[in-house]
Amino acid sequence: MLCQNGSNKNSVVSFGCLSEQDKQYCTEQRNLASYRSKFMQDRDRVLYSRPFLRLAGKTQVYGTGYDDHARNRLTHSLEVAQISKTIASALNLEYGSIIKIDLDLVEAIALGHDIGHTPFGHAGERKLDEILNYEDEDINKRLELPSSPCIDLISIMDKNRGFKHNWQSVRIVNDLSRDFYDFNMELSSITVSGILFHSSLKFTKREEPPQFYLDRYKKQIIVNQGNYVWSLEGLIVEIADEIAQRHHDIEDAISCHYLTPKKVIELLKNSLDELEKRDEKFKNKEIPDGFNNILDEILKANDSSEKELEEYKDTDIFLRQISKYIVNWLVADCVQTTAEQLKEVIKDSEIRDMNIIDDKYEYERRIKKDIVKLSPKTAFADKLLQYRLKKVVLNSRNVQRMDNRGSFIIRKLVLAYITSPQQMPDKTIFSLFREYVKNFYNEHMSEIEKECNRYLFKDAADARNALDYCLNDEKSTEIIFSKEHKVSLDKTKFKLSLLRVIADYIAGMTDSYAEKEYRKLYAIDHDIEA
């Protein structure tokens, strides 16, 4: 919340929480206790959901089980929540006369920001995106997609194109939580928007965001005049995600023996040297103080010289120190820079009421770029450190082997399920028919939505018989008979819906579950080694 500094102090602007717009998209009537806000309920719905709990078994960088102390998606999400709340609390404490950031909203977004992530980290995410962009010829053949599709088929394929974990989080909140878990999360649109925008909407090599998600969910994240729903809280989580990644990249690399304390110091020093060489404006007193002092502070805390650090064996103390210095440096810089930006934004734009907030603050034009950020010198230093860590860690032999193993397993799972969808669970079969109707016969959805998860069939056997009929019956009458509904059957559209539901199913797996499924489906008894 913001109020105009120096004006009527009772004039409060809902800067981060577009309450009236939010009501458009949160159709559920919430009966909340007086001490609970809707953002507290959003947070709790994420916290107690199965997708959140399964993050404990999903790779961050190093495969789950590789090292007991390496991060997974769950511990990462908890760290993002902690850093986000620290930034928000600091801004509230220091500049309370200007801003009021909702800590419950910050926590809800932070805890939920990765619930759509795949097993095997970004390698798994990229593999599903490749498959859902029809870049795997073997899978395309199983789907019976022609190599040169006609214009009509291209349009249908585009309607089902693409995968990205932040969009998948939106899908979980809106559809999959109900279809798979019989639990309707229905988070506030502000919370959903923060979850979506913590990461870019598309992969770098793609020209547009995934068409499937954009068509399905854009109404929830776009408001007046085509602007995106946004919040200051969401932008805080976005930068906290980057800060968390930076410090635990270093910690995990040391814990997993990719880096030594001495090598970490070398990376910091080399980044500082390059910072001076690359840009004149960052020389001398313009060098980030926190970045410049980390080496001295670590050596002093260890009571060691740089030479002695080479022989330093007890990494536990070093890990705590390096994390503290890196996080404190980045958080302090972010708080100071953001506070300065907020003052300028309010002063320049003369925000006094809610009615002009959309006109003056389109998400892409100004908010994302200008408010919550690091100072230019610190951002530059951080990017250098990120680049050097990637060269050392992400391109290492073991990480590459883990990534490629994950990609291989996911591809094999997709092939197995496309070849024989009956191998998937009952709920996934039910979800397939729901997805088919929703994707291509939306006119039926008003009556279908009122029914339970088994809306088309009386039991699982009925659904599985229908699935067999849809895929294998040569004498198809082109009609799916089920209960009181009659839905025409287009096998190409049905198989594209099957591909999407397979991606949903695999994306929800933990690393270990995906590996077990691979072994079962391909009759492999021995362990898969990295």
Protein backbone atom coordinates (compact mmCIF):
# COMPACT_ATOMS: atom_id res chain seq x y z
CA MET A 1 0.00 0.00 0.00
CA LEU A 2 1.21 3.51 -0.72
CA CYS A 3 0.11 6.92 0.46
CA GLN A 4 1.17 10.21 -1.09
CA ASN A 5 4.08 11.51 1.01
CA GLY A 6 3.32 14.98 2.28
CA SER A 7 -0.34 14.84 1.30
CA ASN A 8 -3.36 13.67 3.25
CA LYS A 9 -2.03 10.72 5.25
CA ASN A 10 -5.43 9.04 5.10
CA SER A 11 -5.14 8.86 1.32
CA VAL A 12 -3.94 5.30 0.88
CA VAL A 13 -3.36 3.78 -2.53
CA SER A 14 -3.63 0.05 -3.05
CA PHE A 15 -0.30 -0.14 -4.82
CA GLY A 16 0.33 -3.84 -4.54
CA CYS A 17 -3.17 -5.23 -4.08
CA LEU A 18 -5.70 -4.38 -6.77
CA SER A 19 -8.65 -5.34 -4.59
CA GLU A 20 -11.54 -4.47 -6.91
CA GLN A 21 -9.88 -6.10 -9.91
CA ASP A 22 -8.99 -9.06 -7.75
CA LYS A 23 -12.65 -9.65 -6.99
CA GLN A 24 -13.35 -10.18 -10.70
CA TYR A 25 -11.21 -13.28 -10.78
CA CYS A 26 -11.75 -14.77 -7.34
CA THR A 27 -15.30 -16.09 -7.71
CA GLU A 28 -15.23 -18.25 -4.60
CA GLN A 29 -17.06 -16.84 -1.59
CA ARG A 30 -14.55 -16.99 1.25
CA ASN A 31 -15.75 -17.23 4.82
CA LEU A 32 -12.70 -16.04 6.70
CA ALA A 33 -12.19 -15.51 10.40
CA SER A 34 -11.68 -11.90 11.42
CA TYR A 35 -7.97 -12.49 12.04
CA ARG A 36 -7.32 -14.04 8.62
CA SER A 37 -6.88 -12.24 5.30
CA LYS A 38 -7.42 -13.78 1.87
CA PHE A 39 -3.65 -13.70 1.34
CA MET A 40 -3.13 -15.70 4.52
CA GLN A 41 -5.57 -18.24 3.11
CA ASP A 42 -3.73 -18.22 -0.23
CA ARG A 43 -0.49 -18.93 1.61
CA ASP A 44 -2.04 -21.79 3.56
CA ARG A 45 -3.63 -23.33 0.49
CA VAL A 46 -0.22 -23.45 -1.14
CA LEU A 47 1.54 -24.66 2.01
CA TYR A 48 -0.79 -27.62 2.55
CA SER A 49 -1.11 -28.64 -1.10
CA ARG A 50 0.40 -31.78 -2.56
CA PRO A 51 2.25 -29.95 -5.35
CA PHE A 52 4.07 -27.93 -2.68
CA LEU A 53 4.93 -30.99 -0.59
CA ARG A 54 6.33 -32.78 -3.62
CA LEU A 55 8.86 -30.00 -4.16
CA ALA A 56 10.98 -31.79 -1.55
CA GLY A 57 11.63 -34.50 -4.14
CA LYS A 58 12.41 -32.23 -7.08
CA THR A 59 15.83 -31.13 -8.26
CA GLN A 60 17.05 -27.57 -7.82
CA VAL A 61 20.47 -27.98 -9.49
CA TYR A 62 21.79 -31.25 -8.09
CA GLY A 63 19.60 -34.34 -8.32
CA THR A 64 17.68 -35.26 -5.18
CA GLY A 65 19.67 -37.81 -3.22
CA TYR A 66 22.98 -36.61 -4.67
CA ASP A 67 23.88 -34.92 -1.39
CA ASP A 68 21.78 -34.68 1.76
CA HIS A 69 22.62 -31.00 2.17
CA ALA A 70 22.04 -29.86 -1.41
CA ARG A 71 18.95 -27.75 -2.06
CA ASN A 72 15.75 -29.08 -3.52
CA ARG A 73 12.79 -27.08 -4.79
CA LEU A 74 11.15 -27.05 -1.36
CA THR A 75 14.13 -25.70 0.58
CA HIS A 76 14.68 -23.17 -2.20
CA SER A 77 11.07 -21.98 -1.91
CA LEU A 78 11.43 -21.58 1.86
CA GLU A 79 14.59 -19.52 1.37
CA VAL A 80 12.87 -17.32 -1.21
CA ALA A 81 10.04 -16.74 1.27
CA GLN A 82 12.51 -15.77 4.00
CA ILE A 83 14.48 -13.38 1.79
CA SER A 84 11.28 -11.87 0.34
CA LYS A 85 9.86 -11.19 3.80
CA THR A 86 13.17 -9.70 4.92
CA ILE A 87 13.14 -7.23 2.03
CA ALA A 88 9.46 -6.42 2.55
CA SER A 89 9.86 -5.99 6.32
CA ALA A 90 12.87 -3.72 5.86
CA LEU A 91 10.96 -1.51 3.45
CA ASN A 92 7.96 -1.38 5.79
CA LEU A 93 10.13 -0.58 8.81
CA GLU A 94 12.35 2.02 7.21
CA TYR A 95 9.80 3.74 4.99
CA GLY A 96 6.52 3.03 6.73
CA SER A 97 5.25 6.55 6.11
CA ILE A 98 5.33 5.85 2.37
CA ILE A 99 4.66 2.18 1.81
CA LYS A 100 2.96 -0.79 3.37
CA ILE A 101 3.79 -4.14 1.82
CA ASP A 102 1.57 -7.13 2.61
CA LEU A 103 3.83 -9.80 4.14
CA ASP A 104 1.18 -12.51 3.78
CA LEU A 105 0.95 -11.87 0.05
CA VAL A 106 4.74 -11.93 -0.21
CA GLU A 107 4.85 -15.30 1.54
CA ALA A 108 2.00 -16.77 -0.52
CA ILE A 109 3.72 -15.87 -3.79
CA ALA A 110 7.14 -17.04 -2.61
CA LEU A 111 5.93 -20.43 -1.37
CA GLY A 112 3.94 -21.03 -4.55
CA HIS A 113 6.36 -19.71 -7.14
CA ASP A 114 7.80 -23.13 -8.11
CA ILE A 115 4.85 -25.51 -7.60
CA GLY A 116 4.66 -26.07 -11.36
CA HIS A 117 8.26 -27.19 -11.67
CA THR A 118 9.14 -30.50 -13.26
CA PRO A 119 11.33 -33.29 -11.93
CA PHE A 120 15.02 -32.95 -12.83
CA GLY A 121 15.03 -29.15 -12.67
CA HIS A 122 15.23 -26.94 -15.74
CA ALA A 123 16.47 -29.87 -17.83
CA GLY A 124 13.10 -31.56 -17.33
CA GLU A 125 11.28 -28.32 -18.06
CA ARG A 126 13.16 -27.78 -21.32
CA LYS A 127 12.53 -31.36 -22.44
CA LEU A 128 8.77 -31.06 -21.96
CA ASP A 129 8.81 -27.75 -23.82
CA GLU A 130 10.63 -29.35 -26.74
CA ILE A 131 8.13 -32.21 -26.87
CA LEU A 132 5.14 -29.88 -26.64
CA ASN A 133 6.59 -27.77 -29.45
CA TYR A 134 6.64 -30.90 -31.63
CA GLU A 135 10.42 -31.07 -31.94
CA ASP A 136 10.68 -34.82 -31.26
CA GLU A 137 10.03 -36.79 -34.46
CA ASP A 138 9.50 -40.13 -32.72
CA ILE A 139 6.83 -38.68 -30.45
CA ASN A 140 5.20 -36.89 -33.39
CA LYS A 141 4.97 -40.23 -35.22
CA ARG A 142 3.30 -41.84 -32.20
CA LEU A 143 0.81 -38.97 -32.27
CA GLU A 144 0.35 -39.56 -36.02
CA LEU A 145 1.19 -35.94 -36.79
CA PRO A 146 2.22 -35.33 -40.42
CA SER A 147 5.63 -33.80 -41.10
CA SER A 148 3.95 -31.07 -43.18
CA PRO A 149 0.60 -30.39 -41.52
CA CYS A 150 -2.14 -28.40 -43.23
CA ILE A 151 -3.09 -24.92 -42.06
CA ASP A 152 -6.04 -26.14 -40.02
CA LEU A 153 -3.92 -28.73 -38.24
CA ILE A 154 -1.19 -26.16 -37.55
CA SER A 155 -3.78 -23.99 -35.85
CA ILE A 156 -4.91 -26.92 -33.71
CA MET A 157 -1.31 -27.83 -32.83
CA ASP A 158 -0.53 -24.23 -31.89
CA LYS A 159 -3.48 -24.26 -29.51
CA ASN A 160 -1.71 -26.96 -27.52
CA ARG A 161 1.88 -25.69 -27.83
CA GLY A 162 4.56 -25.15 -25.17
CA PHE A 163 5.50 -25.72 -21.54
CA LYS A 164 7.00 -23.48 -18.86
CA HIS A 165 7.06 -24.05 -15.12
CA ASN A 166 5.61 -20.69 -14.04
CA TRP A 167 2.70 -21.07 -16.46
CA GLN A 168 2.26 -24.63 -15.21
CA SER A 169 1.94 -23.24 -11.68
CA VAL A 170 -1.01 -21.15 -12.89
CA ARG A 171 -2.50 -24.29 -14.45
CA ILE A 172 -2.14 -26.20 -11.18
CA VAL A 173 -3.88 -23.45 -9.24
CA ASN A 174 -6.75 -23.11 -11.71
CA ASP A 175 -7.34 -26.63 -13.03
CA LEU A 176 -5.10 -29.44 -11.86
CA SER A 177 -5.62 -28.97 -8.12
CA ARG A 178 -9.26 -29.84 -8.72
CA ASP A 179 -8.78 -32.49 -11.42
CA PHE A 180 -6.06 -34.48 -9.65
CA TYR A 181 -6.46 -33.69 -5.95
CA ASP A 182 -10.18 -32.89 -5.56
CA PHE A 183 -9.13 -29.61 -3.93
CA ASN A 184 -9.86 -26.24 -5.51
CA MET A 185 -7.01 -23.87 -4.65
CA GLU A 186 -8.50 -20.83 -6.43
CA LEU A 187 -5.94 -18.29 -5.27
CA SER A 188 -6.44 -14.55 -5.60
CA SER A 189 -5.45 -13.17 -9.00
CA ILE A 190 -2.77 -11.01 -7.38
CA THR A 191 -1.17 -14.12 -5.89
CA VAL A 192 -1.41 -16.03 -9.18
CA SER A 193 0.09 -13.10 -11.07
CA GLY A 194 3.04 -12.93 -8.67
CA ILE A 195 3.66 -16.65 -9.13
CA LEU A 196 3.55 -16.31 -12.91
CA PHE A 197 5.78 -13.25 -13.25
CA HIS A 198 8.59 -14.45 -10.99
CA SER A 199 10.12 -15.87 -14.18
CA SER A 200 10.00 -14.86 -17.83
CA LEU A 201 6.86 -15.85 -19.73
CA LYS A 202 8.80 -17.66 -22.45
CA PHE A 203 12.08 -19.38 -23.12
CA THR A 204 14.73 -17.24 -24.79
CA LYS A 205 14.61 -19.26 -28.01
CA ARG A 206 10.82 -18.91 -28.31
CA GLU A 207 9.25 -15.90 -29.96
CA GLU A 208 6.06 -16.00 -27.90
CA PRO A 209 4.84 -17.38 -24.56
CA PRO A 210 3.36 -20.89 -24.78
CA GLN A 211 0.12 -20.49 -26.72
CA PHE A 212 -1.72 -23.13 -24.72
CA TYR A 213 -1.37 -21.27 -21.41
CA LEU A 214 -1.87 -17.83 -22.92
CA ASP A 215 -5.21 -18.79 -24.47
CA ARG A 216 -6.40 -20.56 -21.35
CA TYR A 217 -5.35 -18.23 -18.54
CA LYS A 218 -4.77 -14.73 -19.90
CA LYS A 219 -8.12 -13.45 -18.60
CA GLN A 220 -6.93 -13.98 -15.05
CA ILE A 221 -3.75 -11.91 -15.40
CA ILE A 222 -4.82 -9.07 -17.71
CA VAL A 223 -6.97 -6.20 -16.50
CA ASN A 224 -8.01 -2.75 -17.67
CA GLN A 225 -6.62 -1.62 -21.04
CA GLY A 226 -4.72 -4.87 -21.48
CA ASN A 227 -2.33 -4.28 -18.59
CA TYR A 228 -1.10 -7.17 -16.48
CA VAL A 229 -2.20 -7.69 -12.90
CA TRP A 230 0.89 -6.92 -10.85
CA SER A 231 2.02 -6.22 -7.31
CA LEU A 232 5.02 -4.80 -5.53
CA GLU A 233 5.01 -8.00 -3.47
CA GLY A 234 5.38 -10.10 -6.61
CA LEU A 235 8.33 -8.05 -7.80
CA ILE A 236 10.01 -8.52 -4.42
CA VAL A 237 9.65 -12.30 -4.74
CA GLU A 238 11.11 -12.16 -8.25
CA ILE A 239 14.35 -10.57 -7.09
CA ALA A 240 14.46 -12.68 -3.90
CA ASP A 241 14.41 -15.76 -6.14
CA GLU A 242 17.59 -14.52 -7.84
CA ILE A 243 19.29 -13.71 -4.53
CA ALA A 244 18.46 -17.16 -3.13
CA GLN A 245 19.86 -18.85 -6.22
CA ARG A 246 23.12 -16.95 -6.02
CA HIS A 247 24.04 -17.88 -2.48
CA HIS A 248 22.91 -21.49 -2.60
CA ASP A 249 24.67 -22.04 -5.92
CA ILE A 250 27.88 -21.35 -4.00
CA GLU A 251 26.89 -23.39 -0.94
CA ASP A 252 25.77 -26.42 -2.95
CA ALA A 253 28.87 -26.29 -5.13
CA ILE A 254 31.08 -26.46 -2.04
CA SER A 255 28.96 -29.13 -0.33
CA CYS A 256 29.06 -31.27 -3.47
CA HIS A 257 32.82 -30.69 -3.88
CA TYR A 258 32.69 -28.73 -7.13
CA LEU A 259 34.29 -25.70 -5.49
CA THR A 260 36.68 -25.16 -2.59
CA PRO A 261 36.66 -22.11 -0.30
CA LYS A 262 39.75 -20.87 -2.11
CA LYS A 263 38.06 -21.26 -5.50
CA VAL A 264 35.06 -19.27 -4.29
CA ILE A 265 37.35 -16.44 -3.23
CA GLU A 266 39.02 -16.56 -6.64
CA LEU A 267 35.63 -16.28 -8.35
CA LEU A 268 34.76 -13.24 -6.26
CA LYS A 269 38.11 -11.58 -6.91
CA ASN A 270 38.02 -12.32 -10.64
CA SER A 271 34.51 -10.92 -10.91
CA LEU A 272 35.65 -7.77 -9.13
CA ASP A 273 38.65 -7.41 -11.45
CA GLU A 274 36.46 -7.81 -14.52
CA LEU A 275 33.99 -5.32 -13.11
CA GLU A 276 36.77 -2.71 -13.03
CA LYS A 277 38.00 -3.52 -16.53
CA ARG A 278 34.67 -3.61 -18.32
CA ASP A 279 33.18 -0.28 -17.40
CA GLU A 280 34.90 2.91 -16.31
CA LYS A 281 31.96 4.09 -14.24
CA PHE A 282 32.37 1.14 -11.86
CA LYS A 283 35.99 1.89 -10.96
CA ASN A 284 37.40 3.12 -7.68
CA LYS A 285 34.75 4.35 -5.24
CA GLU A 286 31.94 3.13 -7.47
CA ILE A 287 32.83 -0.52 -6.86
CA PRO A 288 30.12 -2.14 -4.68
CA ASP A 289 31.30 -1.90 -1.08
CA GLY A 290 29.70 -5.17 -0.05
CA PHE A 291 31.23 -7.03 -2.96
CA ASN A 292 34.65 -5.49 -2.38
CA ASN A 293 34.69 -6.31 1.34
CA ILE A 294 33.52 -9.92 1.26
CA LEU A 295 37.05 -11.32 0.93
CA ASP A 296 38.41 -9.30 3.86
CA GLU A 297 35.44 -10.20 6.06
CA ILE A 298 35.74 -13.92 5.36
CA LEU A 299 39.47 -13.98 5.98
CA LYS A 300 39.05 -12.02 9.18
CA ALA A 301 36.25 -14.30 10.42
CA ASN A 302 38.38 -17.35 9.72
CA ASP A 303 41.45 -15.74 11.25
CA SER A 304 43.25 -16.84 8.07
CA SER A 305 45.38 -15.37 5.36
CA GLU A 306 44.44 -15.99 1.75
CA LYS A 307 47.24 -18.55 1.52
CA GLU A 308 46.01 -20.36 4.64
CA LEU A 309 42.51 -20.48 3.18
CA GLU A 310 43.84 -22.81 0.50
CA GLU A 311 44.38 -25.43 3.21
CA TYR A 312 41.09 -24.65 4.96
CA LYS A 313 39.29 -27.92 5.60
CA ASP A 314 36.30 -27.08 7.82
CA THR A 315 33.86 -25.77 5.23
CA ASP A 316 30.81 -25.53 7.54
CA ILE A 317 31.86 -22.20 9.05
CA PHE A 318 32.90 -20.90 5.65
CA LEU A 319 29.51 -21.84 4.16
CA ARG A 320 27.62 -19.91 6.83
CA GLN A 321 29.84 -16.89 6.37
CA ILE A 322 29.73 -16.76 2.59
CA SER A 323 25.92 -17.11 2.59
CA LYS A 324 25.57 -14.38 5.18
CA TYR A 325 27.79 -11.95 3.32
CA ILE A 326 26.31 -12.60 -0.11
CA VAL A 327 22.68 -12.40 1.05
CA ASN A 328 23.22 -9.38 3.30
CA TRP A 329 25.04 -7.53 0.54
CA LEU A 330 22.34 -8.16 -2.09
CA VAL A 331 19.37 -7.65 0.24
CA ALA A 332 20.71 -4.39 1.69
CA ASP A 333 21.41 -3.05 -1.78
CA CYS A 334 17.95 -4.09 -2.99
CA VAL A 335 16.20 -2.42 -0.05
CA GLN A 336 18.07 0.84 -0.49
CA THR A 337 17.65 0.97 -4.26
CA THR A 338 13.97 0.01 -4.14
CA ALA A 339 13.17 2.61 -1.49
CA GLU A 340 14.80 5.32 -3.59
CA GLN A 341 12.88 4.18 -6.66
CA LEU A 342 9.56 4.17 -4.81
CA LYS A 343 10.07 7.74 -3.67
CA GLU A 344 10.81 8.85 -7.23
CA VAL A 345 7.84 6.97 -8.66
CA ILE A 346 5.39 8.57 -6.24
CA LYS A 347 6.88 12.03 -6.68
CA ASP A 348 7.09 11.94 -10.48
CA SER A 349 3.67 10.45 -11.14
CA GLU A 350 1.72 12.12 -8.34
CA ILE A 351 -0.23 8.99 -7.45
CA ARG A 352 -3.13 9.95 -5.23
CA ASP A 353 -5.92 7.53 -6.00
CA MET A 354 -6.62 4.07 -7.30
CA ASN A 355 -8.27 5.21 -10.52
CA ILE A 356 -5.02 6.20 -12.25
CA ILE A 357 -2.85 3.31 -11.11
CA ASP A 358 -3.38 1.27 -14.28
CA ASP A 359 -2.75 4.17 -16.66
CA LYS A 360 0.53 5.15 -15.05
CA TYR A 361 1.95 1.76 -14.14
CA GLU A 362 1.76 -0.80 -16.90
CA TYR A 363 3.71 -3.83 -15.71
CA GLU A 364 6.09 -4.16 -18.65
CA ARG A 365 6.63 -0.45 -19.30
CA ARG A 366 7.74 0.74 -15.89
CA ILE A 367 7.07 -1.35 -12.81
CA LYS A 368 9.15 -4.37 -13.67
CA LYS A 369 12.13 -2.32 -14.78
CA ASP A 370 12.22 0.60 -12.42
CA ILE A 371 11.09 -0.19 -8.90
CA VAL A 372 12.35 -3.40 -7.29
CA LYS A 373 15.94 -3.92 -8.36
CA LEU A 374 19.60 -3.87 -7.42
CA SER A 375 21.71 -0.79 -8.01
CA PRO A 376 23.46 -0.81 -11.42
CA LYS A 377 26.90 -1.54 -9.97
CA THR A 378 25.67 -4.38 -7.75
CA ALA A 379 23.51 -5.84 -10.52
CA PHE A 380 26.54 -5.88 -12.82
CA ALA A 381 28.71 -7.56 -10.20
CA ASP A 382 25.99 -10.11 -9.48
CA LYS A 383 25.65 -10.99 -13.17
CA LEU A 384 29.39 -11.55 -13.43
CA LEU A 385 29.29 -13.85 -10.41
CA GLN A 386 26.31 -15.72 -11.86
CA TYR A 387 28.09 -16.19 -15.18
CA ARG A 388 31.25 -17.54 -13.55
CA LEU A 389 29.33 -19.91 -11.30
CA LYS A 390 27.46 -21.28 -14.30
CA LYS A 391 30.71 -22.01 -16.10
CA VAL A 392 32.11 -23.86 -13.10
CA VAL A 393 29.02 -25.62 -11.77
CA LEU A 394 26.22 -25.96 -14.30
CA ASN A 395 28.59 -27.01 -17.07
CA SER A 396 30.40 -29.53 -14.86
CA ARG A 397 30.49 -33.19 -15.84
CA ASN A 398 28.26 -34.49 -13.06
CA VAL A 399 25.60 -31.78 -13.39
CA GLN A 400 25.48 -32.32 -17.15
CA ARG A 401 25.12 -36.06 -16.63
CA MET A 402 22.27 -35.51 -14.16
CA ASP A 403 20.54 -33.11 -16.56
CA ASN A 404 20.83 -35.46 -19.51
CA ARG A 405 19.65 -38.41 -17.45
CA GLY A 406 16.58 -36.42 -16.45
CA SER A 407 15.84 -35.42 -20.04
CA PHE A 408 16.26 -39.03 -21.15
CA ILE A 409 13.87 -40.37 -18.49
CA ILE A 410 11.20 -37.79 -19.25
CA ARG A 411 11.32 -38.51 -22.98
CA LYS A 412 11.05 -42.24 -22.34
CA LEU A 413 8.06 -41.70 -20.05
CA VAL A 414 6.27 -39.64 -22.70
CA LEU A 415 6.90 -42.34 -25.32
CA ALA A 416 5.61 -45.06 -23.01
CA TYR A 417 2.43 -43.21 -22.06
CA ILE A 418 1.63 -42.19 -25.64
CA THR A 419 2.11 -45.74 -26.83
CA SER A 420 -0.10 -47.13 -24.05
CA PRO A 421 -2.04 -44.47 -22.10
CA GLN A 422 -3.74 -47.19 -20.06
CA GLN A 423 -0.55 -47.31 -17.97
CA MET A 424 -1.45 -43.99 -16.36
CA PRO A 425 -3.55 -43.67 -13.16
CA ASP A 426 -7.34 -43.43 -13.16
CA LYS A 427 -7.36 -39.73 -12.27
CA THR A 428 -5.14 -38.96 -15.25
CA ILE A 429 -7.54 -40.84 -17.54
CA PHE A 430 -10.47 -38.85 -16.17
CA SER A 431 -8.46 -35.66 -16.62
CA LEU A 432 -7.76 -36.55 -20.27
CA PHE A 433 -11.44 -36.46 -21.19
CA ARG A 434 -11.99 -33.27 -19.23
CA GLU A 435 -9.04 -31.67 -21.04
CA TYR A 436 -10.31 -32.80 -24.44
CA VAL A 437 -13.73 -31.28 -23.88
CA LYS A 438 -12.35 -28.08 -22.35
CA ASN A 439 -9.76 -27.63 -25.10
CA PHE A 440 -11.92 -28.25 -28.14
CA TYR A 441 -15.58 -28.29 -27.08
CA ASN A 442 -15.79 -25.47 -24.62
CA GLU A 443 -19.55 -25.07 -25.11
CA HIS A 444 -20.07 -28.16 -22.93
CA MET A 445 -18.06 -26.87 -20.00
CA SER A 446 -20.82 -25.01 -18.15
CA GLU A 447 -22.67 -28.24 -17.39
CA ILE A 448 -19.55 -30.38 -17.07
CA GLU A 449 -17.92 -28.08 -14.51
CA LYS A 450 -20.81 -28.71 -12.12
CA GLU A 451 -20.06 -32.41 -11.95
CA CYS A 452 -17.44 -34.29 -9.99
CA ASN A 453 -14.06 -35.46 -11.24
CA ARG A 454 -15.66 -38.51 -12.82
CA TYR A 455 -18.05 -36.27 -14.70
CA LEU A 456 -18.26 -38.39 -17.86
CA PHE A 457 -18.09 -41.92 -16.53
CA LYS A 458 -19.62 -43.95 -13.76
CA ASP A 459 -16.31 -45.59 -12.84
CA ALA A 460 -12.68 -46.04 -13.90
CA ALA A 461 -13.45 -49.14 -15.98
CA ASP A 462 -15.96 -47.15 -18.03
CA ALA A 463 -13.37 -44.41 -18.60
CA ARG A 464 -10.68 -46.88 -19.61
CA ASN A 465 -13.02 -48.60 -22.07
CA ALA A 466 -13.78 -45.21 -23.60
CA LEU A 467 -10.06 -44.46 -23.86
CA ASP A 468 -9.45 -47.74 -25.65
CA TYR A 469 -12.33 -46.97 -27.99
CA CYS A 470 -11.06 -43.47 -28.78
CA LEU A 471 -7.56 -44.65 -29.67
CA ASN A 472 -8.02 -48.11 -31.15
CA ASP A 473 -11.50 -48.76 -32.56
CA GLU A 474 -11.27 -48.84 -36.36
CA LYS A 475 -15.05 -48.65 -36.70
CA SER A 476 -15.44 -45.52 -34.67
CA THR A 477 -18.79 -43.76 -34.91
CA GLU A 478 -16.89 -40.56 -34.08
CA ILE A 479 -18.98 -39.99 -30.95
CA ILE A 480 -17.95 -40.47 -27.33
CA PHE A 481 -21.01 -41.78 -25.49
CA SER A 482 -20.79 -41.14 -21.78
CA LYS A 483 -23.49 -40.63 -19.24
CA GLU A 484 -25.79 -37.87 -20.54
CA HIS A 485 -23.19 -36.20 -22.78
CA LYS A 486 -22.37 -36.83 -26.41
CA VAL A 487 -19.07 -35.34 -27.56
CA SER A 488 -17.79 -35.74 -31.11
CA LEU A 489 -14.43 -37.46 -31.44
CA ASP A 490 -11.54 -36.02 -33.42
CA LYS A 491 -8.63 -38.39 -32.93
CA THR A 492 -5.94 -35.82 -33.70
CA LYS A 493 -7.36 -33.38 -31.18
CA PHE A 494 -7.79 -36.19 -28.71
CA LYS A 495 -4.14 -37.23 -29.02
CA LEU A 496 -2.99 -33.63 -28.58
CA SER A 497 -5.03 -33.49 -25.39
CA LEU A 498 -3.41 -36.78 -24.40
CA LEU A 499 0.05 -35.24 -24.88
CA ARG A 500 -0.88 -32.28 -22.66
CA VAL A 501 -2.23 -34.51 -19.89
CA ILE A 502 0.88 -36.70 -20.06
CA ALA A 503 2.96 -33.54 -19.58
CA ASP A 504 0.80 -32.58 -16.58
CA TYR A 505 1.28 -36.02 -15.07
CA ILE A 506 5.05 -36.09 -15.57
CA ALA A 507 5.51 -32.49 -14.41
CA GLY A 508 3.88 -33.41 -11.11
CA MET A 509 6.29 -36.28 -10.44
CA THR A 510 9.23 -36.14 -8.07
CA ASP A 511 12.65 -37.20 -9.36
CA SER A 512 12.47 -40.55 -7.58
CA TYR A 513 8.94 -41.33 -8.75
CA ALA A 514 9.89 -40.57 -12.36
CA GLU A 515 12.90 -42.90 -12.08
CA LYS A 516 10.76 -45.67 -10.57
CA GLU A 517 8.19 -45.30 -13.34
CA TYR A 518 10.94 -45.51 -15.94
CA ARG A 519 12.27 -48.72 -14.40
CA LYS A 520 8.81 -50.29 -14.20
CA LEU A 521 7.78 -49.34 -17.72
CA TYR A 522 11.00 -50.52 -19.30
CA ALA A 523 11.62 -53.52 -17.02
CA ILE A 524 14.88 -52.15 -15.61
CA ASP A 525 15.69 -53.56 -12.18
CA HIS A 526 19.08 -52.04 -11.49
CA ASP A 527 19.65 -48.50 -10.27
CA ILE A 528 20.26 -45.73 -12.76
CA GLU A 529 23.63 -44.20 -11.98
CA ALA A 530 24.55 -40.61 -12.82
